[in-house]
Amino acid sequence: FVNAAKTKGIVTEFGYTTTSAEDTTNNSKRYDLSALYLTPVFNDKYTFAGGLATYILDYESKDKDFNKTVNLTLTRPINNWLNGTMLGTYAINSSDTSSQEYDKWTLGFLFNAELGF
């Protein structure tokens, strides 16, 4: 948390993943790094989360992908058990293989139910 009231925070992630396949062209190592900032907004009625993420995917075949993503979300409680979320992302993937290069926008709307049994 970044404030005494513990209403704002930063979440970070570091990751390492390795894959092995019989076909060695698909063997890879992936390195992930991300940071996310969370805070209440609009008189504490909403929660904002914004972050940056990146990964490097290094194939044993010597190809390499480099991905960068920006994430933004806004969540609001609808009642005591249901939340609504609007999210947007923009991702850019550069690669040694031109067919794997892209940039894309994503916009989504989610509903999250919190029920106890």
PDB file of N, CA and C in Angstrom:
ATOM      1  N   PHE A   1       0.843  -1.190   0.000  1.00  0.00           N
ATOM      2  CA  PHE A   1       0.000   0.000   0.000  1.00  0.00           C
ATOM      3  C   PHE A   1       0.884   1.248   0.000  1.00  0.00           C
ATOM      4  N   VAL A   2       0.364   2.305  -0.594  1.00  0.00           N
ATOM      5  CA  VAL A   2       1.168   3.519  -0.684  1.00  0.00           C
ATOM      6  C   VAL A   2       0.596   4.660   0.146  1.00  0.00           C
ATOM      7  N   ASN A   3      -0.441   4.384   0.948  1.00  0.00           N
ATOM      8  CA  ASN A   3      -0.951   5.409   1.856  1.00  0.00           C
ATOM      9  C   ASN A   3      -1.333   4.753   3.182  1.00  0.00           C
ATOM     10  N   ALA A   4      -1.464   5.570   4.222  1.00  0.00           N
ATOM     11  CA  ALA A   4      -1.734   5.046   5.562  1.00  0.00           C
ATOM     12  C   ALA A   4      -3.098   4.379   5.654  1.00  0.00           C
ATOM     13  N   ALA A   5      -4.090   4.854   4.906  1.00  0.00           N
ATOM     14  CA  ALA A   5      -5.435   4.279   4.940  1.00  0.00           C
ATOM     15  C   ALA A   5      -5.516   2.942   4.197  1.00  0.00           C
ATOM     16  N   LYS A   6      -4.466   2.566   3.515  1.00  0.00           N
ATOM     17  CA  LYS A   6      -4.379   1.319   2.755  1.00  0.00           C
ATOM     18  C   LYS A   6      -5.484   1.215   1.698  1.00  0.00           C
ATOM     19  N   THR A   7      -5.764   2.341   1.036  1.00  0.00           N
ATOM     20  CA  THR A   7      -6.751   2.347  -0.036  1.00  0.00           C
ATOM     21  C   THR A   7      -6.103   2.422  -1.412  1.00  0.00           C
ATOM     22  N   LYS A   8      -4.812   2.709  -1.459  1.00  0.00           N
ATOM     23  CA  LYS A   8      -4.081   2.798  -2.721  1.00  0.00           C
ATOM     24  C   LYS A   8      -2.902   1.836  -2.671  1.00  0.00           C
ATOM     25  N   GLY A   9      -2.635   1.211  -3.806  1.00  0.00           N
ATOM     26  CA  GLY A   9      -1.549   0.252  -3.783  1.00  0.00           C
ATOM     27  C   GLY A   9      -0.907   0.049  -5.136  1.00  0.00           C
ATOM     28  N   ILE A  10       0.249  -0.553  -5.087  1.00  0.00           N
ATOM     29  CA  ILE A  10       0.990  -0.933  -6.286  1.00  0.00           C
ATOM     30  C   ILE A  10       1.246  -2.432  -6.207  1.00  0.00           C
ATOM     31  N   VAL A  11       0.921  -3.131  -7.279  1.00  0.00           N
ATOM     32  CA  VAL A  11       1.151  -4.566  -7.365  1.00  0.00           C
ATOM     33  C   VAL A  11       2.165  -4.797  -8.480  1.00  0.00           C
ATOM     34  N   THR A  12       3.202  -5.568  -8.190  1.00  0.00           N
ATOM     35  CA  THR A  12       4.210  -5.874  -9.203  1.00  0.00           C
ATOM     36  C   THR A  12       4.286  -7.379  -9.414  1.00  0.00           C
ATOM     37  N   GLU A  13       4.733  -7.752 -10.578  1.00  0.00           N
ATOM     38  CA  GLU A  13       4.896  -9.163 -10.898  1.00  0.00           C
ATOM     39  C   GLU A  13       6.183  -9.350 -11.677  1.00  0.00           C
ATOM     40  N   PHE A  14       6.915 -10.366 -11.292  1.00  0.00           N
ATOM     41  CA  PHE A  14       8.089 -10.808 -12.026  1.00  0.00           C
ATOM     42  C   PHE A  14       7.866 -12.283 -12.307  1.00  0.00           C
ATOM     43  N   GLY A  15       8.099 -12.706 -13.526  1.00  0.00           N
ATOM     44  CA  GLY A  15       7.854 -14.111 -13.834  1.00  0.00           C
ATOM     45  C   GLY A  15       8.886 -14.677 -14.784  1.00  0.00           C
ATOM     46  N   TYR A  16       9.037 -15.979 -14.679  1.00  0.00           N
ATOM     47  CA  TYR A  16       9.912 -16.727 -15.580  1.00  0.00           C
ATOM     48  C   TYR A  16       9.217 -18.040 -15.882  1.00  0.00           C
ATOM     49  N   THR A  17       9.053 -18.353 -17.153  1.00  0.00           N
ATOM     50  CA  THR A  17       8.407 -19.592 -17.564  1.00  0.00           C
ATOM     51  C   THR A  17       9.275 -20.246 -18.629  1.00  0.00           C
ATOM     52  N   THR A  18       9.422 -21.549 -18.525  1.00  0.00           N
ATOM     53  CA  THR A  18      10.150 -22.282 -19.551  1.00  0.00           C
ATOM     54  C   THR A  18       9.241 -23.390 -20.077  1.00  0.00           C
ATOM     55  N   THR A  19       9.306 -23.627 -21.379  1.00  0.00           N
ATOM     56  CA  THR A  19       8.528 -24.705 -21.986  1.00  0.00           C
ATOM     57  C   THR A  19       9.463 -25.623 -22.747  1.00  0.00           C
ATOM     58  N   SER A  20       9.142 -26.903 -22.693  1.00  0.00           N
ATOM     59  CA  SER A  20       9.913 -27.903 -23.427  1.00  0.00           C
ATOM     60  C   SER A  20       8.935 -28.755 -24.219  1.00  0.00           C
ATOM     61  N   ALA A  21       9.240 -28.964 -25.474  1.00  0.00           N
ATOM     62  CA  ALA A  21       8.403 -29.777 -26.348  1.00  0.00           C
ATOM     63  C   ALA A  21       9.292 -30.731 -27.129  1.00  0.00           C
ATOM     64  N   GLU A  22       8.696 -31.781 -27.659  1.00  0.00           N
ATOM     65  CA  GLU A  22       9.471 -32.709 -28.479  1.00  0.00           C
ATOM     66  C   GLU A  22      10.033 -31.998 -29.700  1.00  0.00           C
ATOM     67  N   ASP A  23       9.250 -31.080 -30.247  1.00  0.00           N
ATOM     68  CA  ASP A  23       9.694 -30.261 -31.375  1.00  0.00           C
ATOM     69  C   ASP A  23      10.467 -29.071 -30.797  1.00  0.00           C
ATOM     70  N   THR A  24      11.772 -29.071 -30.888  1.00  0.00           N
ATOM     71  CA  THR A  24      12.591 -28.067 -30.201  1.00  0.00           C
ATOM     72  C   THR A  24      12.382 -26.653 -30.730  1.00  0.00           C
ATOM     73  N   THR A  25      11.737 -26.467 -31.891  1.00  0.00           N
ATOM     74  CA  THR A  25      11.498 -25.106 -32.382  1.00  0.00           C
ATOM     75  C   THR A  25      10.479 -24.371 -31.507  1.00  0.00           C
ATOM     76  N   ASN A  26       9.709 -25.105 -30.705  1.00  0.00           N
ATOM     77  CA  ASN A  26       8.722 -24.474 -29.826  1.00  0.00           C
ATOM     78  C   ASN A  26       9.193 -24.350 -28.388  1.00  0.00           C
ATOM     79  N   ASN A  27      10.384 -24.786 -28.081  1.00  0.00           N
ATOM     80  CA  ASN A  27      10.918 -24.599 -26.730  1.00  0.00           C
ATOM     81  C   ASN A  27      11.193 -23.119 -26.514  1.00  0.00           C
ATOM     82  N   SER A  28      10.862 -22.633 -25.334  1.00  0.00           N
ATOM     83  CA  SER A  28      11.026 -21.195 -25.111  1.00  0.00           C
ATOM     84  C   SER A  28      11.241 -20.876 -23.646  1.00  0.00           C
ATOM     85  N   LYS A  29      11.689 -19.645 -23.438  1.00  0.00           N
ATOM     86  CA  LYS A  29      11.804 -19.052 -22.107  1.00  0.00           C
ATOM     87  C   LYS A  29      11.068 -17.726 -22.167  1.00  0.00           C
ATOM     88  N   ARG A  30      10.273 -17.452 -21.153  1.00  0.00           N
ATOM     89  CA  ARG A  30       9.509 -16.207 -21.121  1.00  0.00           C
ATOM     90  C   ARG A  30       9.818 -15.470 -19.821  1.00  0.00           C
ATOM     91  N   TYR A  31      10.071 -14.167 -19.960  1.00  0.00           N
ATOM     92  CA  TYR A  31      10.379 -13.303 -18.834  1.00  0.00           C
ATOM     93  C   TYR A  31       9.280 -12.228 -18.758  1.00  0.00           C
ATOM     94  N   ASP A  32       8.588 -12.136 -17.629  1.00  0.00           N
ATOM     95  CA  ASP A  32       7.484 -11.195 -17.453  1.00  0.00           C
ATOM     96  C   ASP A  32       7.816 -10.144 -16.401  1.00  0.00           C
ATOM     97  N   LEU A  33       7.325  -8.938 -16.628  1.00  0.00           N
ATOM     98  CA  LEU A  33       7.456  -7.844 -15.671  1.00  0.00           C
ATOM     99  C   LEU A  33       6.210  -6.967 -15.799  1.00  0.00           C
ATOM    100  N   SER A  34       5.564  -6.666 -14.681  1.00  0.00           N
ATOM    101  CA  SER A  34       4.389  -5.797 -14.736  1.00  0.00           C
ATOM    102  C   SER A  34       4.260  -5.010 -13.440  1.00  0.00           C
ATOM    103  N   ALA A  35       3.542  -3.894 -13.539  1.00  0.00           N
ATOM    104  CA  ALA A  35       3.231  -3.063 -12.377  1.00  0.00           C
ATOM    105  C   ALA A  35       1.816  -2.527 -12.564  1.00  0.00           C
ATOM    106  N   LEU A  36       1.048  -2.507 -11.479  1.00  0.00           N
ATOM    107  CA  LEU A  36      -0.350  -2.081 -11.507  1.00  0.00           C
ATOM    108  C   LEU A  36      -0.597  -1.149 -10.328  1.00  0.00           C
ATOM    109  N   TYR A  37      -1.250  -0.019 -10.592  1.00  0.00           N
ATOM    110  CA  TYR A  37      -1.583   0.949  -9.551  1.00  0.00           C
ATOM    111  C   TYR A  37      -3.093   0.905  -9.324  1.00  0.00           C
ATOM    112  N   LEU A  38      -3.516   0.783  -8.070  1.00  0.00           N
ATOM    113  CA  LEU A  38      -4.935   0.723  -7.713  1.00  0.00           C
ATOM    114  C   LEU A  38      -5.280   1.868  -6.777  1.00  0.00           C
ATOM    115  N   THR A  39      -6.442   2.514  -7.028  1.00  0.00           N
ATOM    116  CA  THR A  39      -6.874   3.607  -6.164  1.00  0.00           C
ATOM    117  C   THR A  39      -8.376   3.817  -6.304  1.00  0.00           C
ATOM    118  N   PRO A  40      -9.030   4.229  -5.222  1.00  0.00           N
ATOM    119  CA  PRO A  40     -10.439   4.617  -5.357  1.00  0.00           C
ATOM    120  C   PRO A  40     -10.534   5.969  -6.071  1.00  0.00           C
ATOM    121  N   VAL A  41     -11.612   6.165  -6.862  1.00  0.00           N
ATOM    122  CA  VAL A  41     -11.827   7.420  -7.584  1.00  0.00           C
ATOM    123  C   VAL A  41     -13.308   7.797  -7.507  1.00  0.00           C
ATOM    124  N   PHE A  42     -13.607   9.032  -7.907  1.00  0.00           N
ATOM    125  CA  PHE A  42     -14.977   9.542  -7.930  1.00  0.00           C
ATOM    126  C   PHE A  42     -15.673   9.337  -6.576  1.00  0.00           C
ATOM    127  N   ASN A  43     -15.118   9.969  -5.543  1.00  0.00           N
ATOM    128  CA  ASN A  43     -15.662   9.891  -4.184  1.00  0.00           C
ATOM    129  C   ASN A  43     -15.750   8.455  -3.669  1.00  0.00           C
ATOM    130  N   ASP A  44     -14.762   7.658  -3.988  1.00  0.00           N
ATOM    131  CA  ASP A  44     -14.652   6.264  -3.544  1.00  0.00           C
ATOM    132  C   ASP A  44     -15.763   5.365  -4.073  1.00  0.00           C
ATOM    133  N   LYS A  45     -16.491   5.775  -5.099  1.00  0.00           N
ATOM    134  CA  LYS A  45     -17.548   4.937  -5.658  1.00  0.00           C
ATOM    135  C   LYS A  45     -17.012   3.947  -6.691  1.00  0.00           C
ATOM    136  N   TYR A  46     -15.830   4.211  -7.218  1.00  0.00           N
ATOM    137  CA  TYR A  46     -15.208   3.363  -8.227  1.00  0.00           C
ATOM    138  C   TYR A  46     -13.798   3.004  -7.785  1.00  0.00           C
ATOM    139  N   THR A  47     -13.273   1.937  -8.363  1.00  0.00           N
ATOM    140  CA  THR A  47     -11.871   1.577  -8.182  1.00  0.00           C
ATOM    141  C   THR A  47     -11.204   1.617  -9.552  1.00  0.00           C
ATOM    142  N   PHE A  48     -10.121   2.370  -9.638  1.00  0.00           N
ATOM    143  CA  PHE A  48      -9.338   2.463 -10.868  1.00  0.00           C
ATOM    144  C   PHE A  48      -8.093   1.602 -10.725  1.00  0.00           C
ATOM    145  N   ALA A  49      -7.761   0.879 -11.776  1.00  0.00           N
ATOM    146  CA  ALA A  49      -6.500   0.138 -11.840  1.00  0.00           C
ATOM    147  C   ALA A  49      -5.870   0.425 -13.197  1.00  0.00           C
ATOM    148  N   GLY A  50      -4.626   0.826 -13.175  1.00  0.00           N
ATOM    149  CA  GLY A  50      -3.897   1.095 -14.406  1.00  0.00           C
ATOM    150  C   GLY A  50      -2.513   0.504 -14.310  1.00  0.00           C
ATOM    151  N   GLY A  51      -2.072  -0.098 -15.397  1.00  0.00           N
ATOM    152  CA  GLY A  51      -0.766  -0.720 -15.314  1.00  0.00           C
ATOM    153  C   GLY A  51      -0.076  -0.907 -16.641  1.00  0.00           C
ATOM    154  N   LEU A  52       1.171  -1.286 -16.524  1.00  0.00           N
ATOM    155  CA  LEU A  52       2.028  -1.602 -17.666  1.00  0.00           C
ATOM    156  C   LEU A  52       2.549  -3.017 -17.483  1.00  0.00           C
ATOM    157  N   ALA A  53       2.618  -3.744 -18.579  1.00  0.00           N
ATOM    158  CA  ALA A  53       3.165  -5.099 -18.528  1.00  0.00           C
ATOM    159  C   ALA A  53       4.034  -5.313 -19.760  1.00  0.00           C
ATOM    160  N   THR A  54       5.033  -6.120 -19.606  1.00  0.00           N
ATOM    161  CA  THR A  54       5.895  -6.464 -20.729  1.00  0.00           C
ATOM    162  C   THR A  54       6.394  -7.891 -20.554  1.00  0.00           C
ATOM    163  N   TYR A  55       6.646  -8.540 -21.668  1.00  0.00           N
ATOM    164  CA  TYR A  55       7.313  -9.835 -21.599  1.00  0.00           C
ATOM    165  C   TYR A  55       8.204 -10.020 -22.814  1.00  0.00           C
ATOM    166  N   ILE A  56       9.217 -10.833 -22.614  1.00  0.00           N
ATOM    167  CA  ILE A  56      10.103 -11.259 -23.687  1.00  0.00           C
ATOM    168  C   ILE A  56       9.947 -12.766 -23.798  1.00  0.00           C
ATOM    169  N   LEU A  57       9.628 -13.238 -24.983  1.00  0.00           N
ATOM    170  CA  LEU A  57       9.485 -14.665 -25.247  1.00  0.00           C
ATOM    171  C   LEU A  57      10.626 -15.060 -26.164  1.00  0.00           C
ATOM    172  N   ASP A  58      11.536 -15.860 -25.635  1.00  0.00           N
ATOM    173  CA  ASP A  58      12.776 -16.212 -26.328  1.00  0.00           C
ATOM    174  C   ASP A  58      12.712 -17.681 -26.735  1.00  0.00           C
ATOM    175  N   TYR A  59      12.573 -17.930 -28.036  1.00  0.00           N
ATOM    176  CA  TYR A  59      12.501 -19.299 -28.551  1.00  0.00           C
ATOM    177  C   TYR A  59      13.903 -19.848 -28.781  1.00  0.00           C
ATOM    178  N   GLU A  60      14.064 -21.149 -28.555  1.00  0.00           N
ATOM    179  CA  GLU A  60      15.364 -21.777 -28.809  1.00  0.00           C
ATOM    180  C   GLU A  60      15.729 -21.719 -30.282  1.00  0.00           C
ATOM    181  N   SER A  61      14.727 -21.526 -31.148  1.00  0.00           N
ATOM    182  CA  SER A  61      15.002 -21.413 -32.587  1.00  0.00           C
ATOM    183  C   SER A  61      15.611 -20.045 -32.915  1.00  0.00           C
ATOM    184  N   LYS A  62      15.890 -19.260 -31.897  1.00  0.00           N
ATOM    185  CA  LYS A  62      16.528 -17.937 -31.993  1.00  0.00           C
ATOM    186  C   LYS A  62      15.555 -16.812 -32.330  1.00  0.00           C
ATOM    187  N   ASP A  63      14.250 -17.119 -32.483  1.00  0.00           N
ATOM    188  CA  ASP A  63      13.252 -16.063 -32.631  1.00  0.00           C
ATOM    189  C   ASP A  63      12.960 -15.477 -31.253  1.00  0.00           C
ATOM    190  N   LYS A  64      12.582 -14.209 -31.254  1.00  0.00           N
ATOM    191  CA  LYS A  64      12.277 -13.549 -29.987  1.00  0.00           C
ATOM    192  C   LYS A  64      11.091 -12.609 -30.189  1.00  0.00           C
ATOM    193  N   ASP A  65      10.125 -12.641 -29.251  1.00  0.00           N
ATOM    194  CA  ASP A  65       8.993 -11.716 -29.235  1.00  0.00           C
ATOM    195  C   ASP A  65       9.163 -10.765 -28.064  1.00  0.00           C
ATOM    196  N   PHE A  66       8.758  -9.516 -28.269  1.00  0.00           N
ATOM    197  CA  PHE A  66       8.808  -8.508 -27.213  1.00  0.00           C
ATOM    198  C   PHE A  66       7.442  -7.841 -27.169  1.00  0.00           C
ATOM    199  N   ASN A  67       6.702  -8.010 -26.058  1.00  0.00           N
ATOM    200  CA  ASN A  67       5.337  -7.525 -25.941  1.00  0.00           C
ATOM    201  C   ASN A  67       5.256  -6.456 -24.861  1.00  0.00           C
ATOM    202  N   LYS A  68       4.501  -5.382 -25.175  1.00  0.00           N
ATOM    203  CA  LYS A  68       4.256  -4.292 -24.222  1.00  0.00           C
ATOM    204  C   LYS A  68       2.758  -4.036 -24.191  1.00  0.00           C
ATOM    205  N   THR A  69       2.171  -3.925 -22.989  1.00  0.00           N
ATOM    206  CA  THR A  69       0.729  -3.756 -22.844  1.00  0.00           C
ATOM    207  C   THR A  69       0.425  -2.690 -21.799  1.00  0.00           C
ATOM    208  N   VAL A  70      -0.584  -1.860 -22.093  1.00  0.00           N
ATOM    209  CA  VAL A  70      -1.127  -0.891 -21.146  1.00  0.00           C
ATOM    210  C   VAL A  70      -2.532  -1.372 -20.789  1.00  0.00           C
ATOM    211  N   ASN A  71      -2.844  -1.438 -19.485  1.00  0.00           N
ATOM    212  CA  ASN A  71      -4.144  -1.901 -19.005  1.00  0.00           C
ATOM    213  C   ASN A  71      -4.805  -0.812 -18.178  1.00  0.00           C
ATOM    214  N   LEU A  72      -6.091  -0.568 -18.404  1.00  0.00           N
ATOM    215  CA  LEU A  72      -6.872   0.374 -17.606  1.00  0.00           C
ATOM    216  C   LEU A  72      -8.209  -0.271 -17.264  1.00  0.00           C
ATOM    217  N   THR A  73      -8.625  -0.213 -15.986  1.00  0.00           N
ATOM    218  CA  THR A  73      -9.929  -0.739 -15.585  1.00  0.00           C
ATOM    219  C   THR A  73     -10.605   0.231 -14.626  1.00  0.00           C
ATOM    220  N   LEU A  74     -11.917   0.209 -14.659  1.00  0.00           N
ATOM    221  CA  LEU A  74     -12.732   0.996 -13.751  1.00  0.00           C
ATOM    222  C   LEU A  74     -13.837   0.077 -13.253  1.00  0.00           C
ATOM    223  N   THR A  75     -13.901  -0.142 -11.934  1.00  0.00           N
ATOM    224  CA  THR A  75     -14.862  -1.067 -11.333  1.00  0.00           C
ATOM    225  C   THR A  75     -15.771  -0.317 -10.373  1.00  0.00           C
ATOM    226  N   ARG A  76     -17.055  -0.685 -10.400  1.00  0.00           N
ATOM    227  CA  ARG A  76     -18.033  -0.062  -9.508  1.00  0.00           C
ATOM    228  C   ARG A  76     -18.965  -1.135  -8.958  1.00  0.00           C
ATOM    229  N   PRO A  77     -19.206  -1.117  -7.640  1.00  0.00           N
ATOM    230  CA  PRO A  77     -20.208  -2.031  -7.085  1.00  0.00           C
ATOM    231  C   PRO A  77     -21.604  -1.647  -7.588  1.00  0.00           C
ATOM    232  N   ILE A  78     -22.376  -2.634  -7.987  1.00  0.00           N
ATOM    233  CA  ILE A  78     -23.753  -2.411  -8.396  1.00  0.00           C
ATOM    234  C   ILE A  78     -24.674  -2.625  -7.197  1.00  0.00           C
ATOM    235  N   ASN A  79     -24.382  -3.646  -6.410  1.00  0.00           N
ATOM    236  CA  ASN A  79     -25.045  -3.871  -5.118  1.00  0.00           C
ATOM    237  C   ASN A  79     -24.053  -4.602  -4.224  1.00  0.00           C
ATOM    238  N   ASN A  80     -24.502  -5.201  -3.135  1.00  0.00           N
ATOM    239  CA  ASN A  80     -23.546  -5.786  -2.176  1.00  0.00           C
ATOM    240  C   ASN A  80     -22.920  -7.095  -2.659  1.00  0.00           C
ATOM    241  N   TRP A  81     -23.351  -7.636  -3.794  1.00  0.00           N
ATOM    242  CA  TRP A  81     -22.758  -8.882  -4.289  1.00  0.00           C
ATOM    243  C   TRP A  81     -22.359  -8.836  -5.765  1.00  0.00           C
ATOM    244  N   LEU A  82     -22.621  -7.713  -6.457  1.00  0.00           N
ATOM    245  CA  LEU A  82     -22.346  -7.644  -7.885  1.00  0.00           C
ATOM    246  C   LEU A  82     -21.537  -6.397  -8.227  1.00  0.00           C
ATOM    247  N   ASN A  83     -20.458  -6.580  -8.988  1.00  0.00           N
ATOM    248  CA  ASN A  83     -19.620  -5.478  -9.467  1.00  0.00           C
ATOM    249  C   ASN A  83     -19.665  -5.420 -10.992  1.00  0.00           C
ATOM    250  N   GLY A  84     -19.545  -4.217 -11.528  1.00  0.00           N
ATOM    251  CA  GLY A  84     -19.409  -4.031 -12.964  1.00  0.00           C
ATOM    252  C   GLY A  84     -18.047  -3.429 -13.261  1.00  0.00           C
ATOM    253  N   THR A  85     -17.406  -3.904 -14.308  1.00  0.00           N
ATOM    254  CA  THR A  85     -16.068  -3.431 -14.673  1.00  0.00           C
ATOM    255  C   THR A  85     -16.013  -3.110 -16.155  1.00  0.00           C
ATOM    256  N   MET A  86     -15.392  -1.971 -16.463  1.00  0.00           N
ATOM    257  CA  MET A  86     -15.070  -1.615 -17.837  1.00  0.00           C
ATOM    258  C   MET A  86     -13.548  -1.667 -17.952  1.00  0.00           C
ATOM    259  N   LEU A  87     -13.054  -2.307 -18.996  1.00  0.00           N
ATOM    260  CA  LEU A  87     -11.605  -2.434 -19.126  1.00  0.00           C
ATOM    261  C   LEU A  87     -11.169  -2.138 -20.546  1.00  0.00           C
ATOM    262  N   GLY A  88      -9.957  -1.654 -20.655  1.00  0.00           N
ATOM    263  CA  GLY A  88      -9.356  -1.398 -21.955  1.00  0.00           C
ATOM    264  C   GLY A  88      -7.882  -1.743 -21.919  1.00  0.00           C
ATOM    265  N   THR A  89      -7.391  -2.298 -23.004  1.00  0.00           N
ATOM    266  CA  THR A  89      -5.967  -2.610 -23.122  1.00  0.00           C
ATOM    267  C   THR A  89      -5.470  -2.221 -24.508  1.00  0.00           C
ATOM    268  N   TYR A  90      -4.204  -1.919 -24.571  1.00  0.00           N
ATOM    269  CA  TYR A  90      -3.525  -1.724 -25.847  1.00  0.00           C
ATOM    270  C   TYR A  90      -2.226  -2.514 -25.775  1.00  0.00           C
ATOM    271  N   ALA A  91      -2.009  -3.379 -26.758  1.00  0.00           N
ATOM    272  CA  ALA A  91      -0.818  -4.232 -26.758  1.00  0.00           C
ATOM    273  C   ALA A  91      -0.081  -4.090 -28.080  1.00  0.00           C
ATOM    274  N   ILE A  92       1.238  -4.102 -27.975  1.00  0.00           N
ATOM    275  CA  ILE A  92       2.121  -4.086 -29.139  1.00  0.00           C
ATOM    276  C   ILE A  92       3.062  -5.278 -29.000  1.00  0.00           C
ATOM    277  N   ASN A  93       3.129  -6.099 -30.035  1.00  0.00           N
ATOM    278  CA  ASN A  93       4.044  -7.231 -30.038  1.00  0.00           C
ATOM    279  C   ASN A  93       4.999  -7.089 -31.221  1.00  0.00           C
ATOM    280  N   SER A  94       6.282  -6.973 -30.926  1.00  0.00           N
ATOM    281  CA  SER A  94       7.291  -6.979 -31.986  1.00  0.00           C
ATOM    282  C   SER A  94       7.989  -8.335 -31.943  1.00  0.00           C
ATOM    283  N   SER A  95       8.443  -8.786 -33.098  1.00  0.00           N
ATOM    284  CA  SER A  95       8.976 -10.142 -33.180  1.00  0.00           C
ATOM    285  C   SER A  95      10.040 -10.225 -34.266  1.00  0.00           C
ATOM    286  N   ASP A  96      10.920 -11.208 -34.127  1.00  0.00           N
ATOM    287  CA  ASP A  96      11.869 -11.519 -35.192  1.00  0.00           C
ATOM    288  C   ASP A  96      11.151 -12.161 -36.376  1.00  0.00           C
ATOM    289  N   THR A  97       9.950 -12.681 -36.149  1.00  0.00           N
ATOM    290  CA  THR A  97       9.121 -13.274 -37.193  1.00  0.00           C
ATOM    291  C   THR A  97       8.003 -12.295 -37.511  1.00  0.00           C
ATOM    292  N   SER A  98       7.998 -11.725 -38.702  1.00  0.00           N
ATOM    293  CA  SER A  98       7.061 -10.651 -39.029  1.00  0.00           C
ATOM    294  C   SER A  98       5.599 -11.075 -38.916  1.00  0.00           C
ATOM    295  N   SER A  99       5.283 -12.349 -39.125  1.00  0.00           N
ATOM    296  CA  SER A  99       3.888 -12.804 -39.028  1.00  0.00           C
ATOM    297  C   SER A  99       3.378 -12.794 -37.589  1.00  0.00           C
ATOM    298  N   GLN A 100       4.266 -12.640 -36.609  1.00  0.00           N
ATOM    299  CA  GLN A 100       3.855 -12.611 -35.205  1.00  0.00           C
ATOM    300  C   GLN A 100       3.823 -11.189 -34.647  1.00  0.00           C
ATOM    301  N   GLU A 101       4.000 -10.190 -35.500  1.00  0.00           N
ATOM    302  CA  GLU A 101       3.945  -8.802 -35.048  1.00  0.00           C
ATOM    303  C   GLU A 101       2.513  -8.286 -35.122  1.00  0.00           C
ATOM    304  N   TYR A 102       2.105  -7.520 -34.115  1.00  0.00           N
ATOM    305  CA  TYR A 102       0.760  -6.950 -34.110  1.00  0.00           C
ATOM    306  C   TYR A 102       0.680  -5.817 -33.103  1.00  0.00           C
ATOM    307  N   ASP A 103      -0.356  -5.022 -33.246  1.00  0.00           N
ATOM    308  CA  ASP A 103      -0.788  -4.118 -32.190  1.00  0.00           C
ATOM    309  C   ASP A 103      -2.305  -4.189 -32.182  1.00  0.00           C
ATOM    310  N   LYS A 104      -2.899  -4.166 -30.984  1.00  0.00           N
ATOM    311  CA  LYS A 104      -4.346  -4.326 -30.896  1.00  0.00           C
ATOM    312  C   LYS A 104      -4.911  -3.609 -29.683  1.00  0.00           C
ATOM    313  N   TRP A 105      -6.155  -3.216 -29.837  1.00  0.00           N
ATOM    314  CA  TRP A 105      -6.947  -2.622 -28.767  1.00  0.00           C
ATOM    315  C   TRP A 105      -7.961  -3.650 -28.294  1.00  0.00           C
ATOM    316  N   THR A 106      -8.248  -3.655 -27.000  1.00  0.00           N
ATOM    317  CA  THR A 106      -9.291  -4.507 -26.451  1.00  0.00           C
ATOM    318  C   THR A 106     -10.139  -3.654 -25.520  1.00  0.00           C
ATOM    319  N   LEU A 107     -11.442  -3.755 -25.645  1.00  0.00           N
ATOM    320  CA  LEU A 107     -12.375  -3.070 -24.767  1.00  0.00           C
ATOM    321  C   LEU A 107     -13.359  -4.105 -24.265  1.00  0.00           C
ATOM    322  N   GLY A 108     -13.599  -4.125 -22.955  1.00  0.00           N
ATOM    323  CA  GLY A 108     -14.481  -5.142 -22.397  1.00  0.00           C
ATOM    324  C   GLY A 108     -15.333  -4.615 -21.266  1.00  0.00           C
ATOM    325  N   PHE A 109     -16.410  -5.312 -21.033  1.00  0.00           N
ATOM    326  CA  PHE A 109     -17.312  -5.034 -19.923  1.00  0.00           C
ATOM    327  C   PHE A 109     -17.555  -6.346 -19.196  1.00  0.00           C
ATOM    328  N   LEU A 110     -17.387  -6.344 -17.880  1.00  0.00           N
ATOM    329  CA  LEU A 110     -17.513  -7.558 -17.081  1.00  0.00           C
ATOM    330  C   LEU A 110     -18.459  -7.333 -15.914  1.00  0.00           C
ATOM    331  N   PHE A 111     -19.087  -8.417 -15.490  1.00  0.00           N
ATOM    332  CA  PHE A 111     -19.845  -8.423 -14.251  1.00  0.00           C
ATOM    333  C   PHE A 111     -19.287  -9.519 -13.374  1.00  0.00           C
ATOM    334  N   ASN A 112     -19.063  -9.220 -12.101  1.00  0.00           N
ATOM    335  CA  ASN A 112     -18.446 -10.142 -11.167  1.00  0.00           C
ATOM    336  C   ASN A 112     -19.380 -10.324  -9.973  1.00  0.00           C
ATOM    337  N   ALA A 113     -19.821 -11.552  -9.746  1.00  0.00           N
ATOM    338  CA  ALA A 113     -20.694 -11.851  -8.615  1.00  0.00           C
ATOM    339  C   ALA A 113     -19.871 -12.448  -7.485  1.00  0.00           C
ATOM    340  N   GLU A 114     -20.115 -12.001  -6.276  1.00  0.00           N
ATOM    341  CA  GLU A 114     -19.443 -12.529  -5.086  1.00  0.00           C
ATOM    342  C   GLU A 114     -20.508 -13.176  -4.204  1.00  0.00           C
ATOM    343  N   LEU A 115     -20.604 -14.494  -4.293  1.00  0.00           N
ATOM    344  CA  LEU A 115     -21.633 -15.236  -3.582  1.00  0.00           C
ATOM    345  C   LEU A 115     -21.001 -16.217  -2.612  1.00  0.00           C
ATOM    346  N   GLY A 116     -21.622 -16.387  -1.471  1.00  0.00           N
ATOM    347  CA  GLY A 116     -21.149 -17.365  -0.504  1.00  0.00           C
ATOM    348  C   GLY A 116     -22.127 -18.528  -0.420  1.00  0.00           C
ATOM    349  N   PHE A 117     -21.568 -19.719  -0.265  1.00  0.00           N
ATOM    350  CA  PHE A 117     -22.420 -20.918  -0.173  1.00  0.00           C
ATOM    351  C   PHE A 117     -22.202 -21.609   1.143  1.00  0.00           C
TER     352      PHE A 117
END
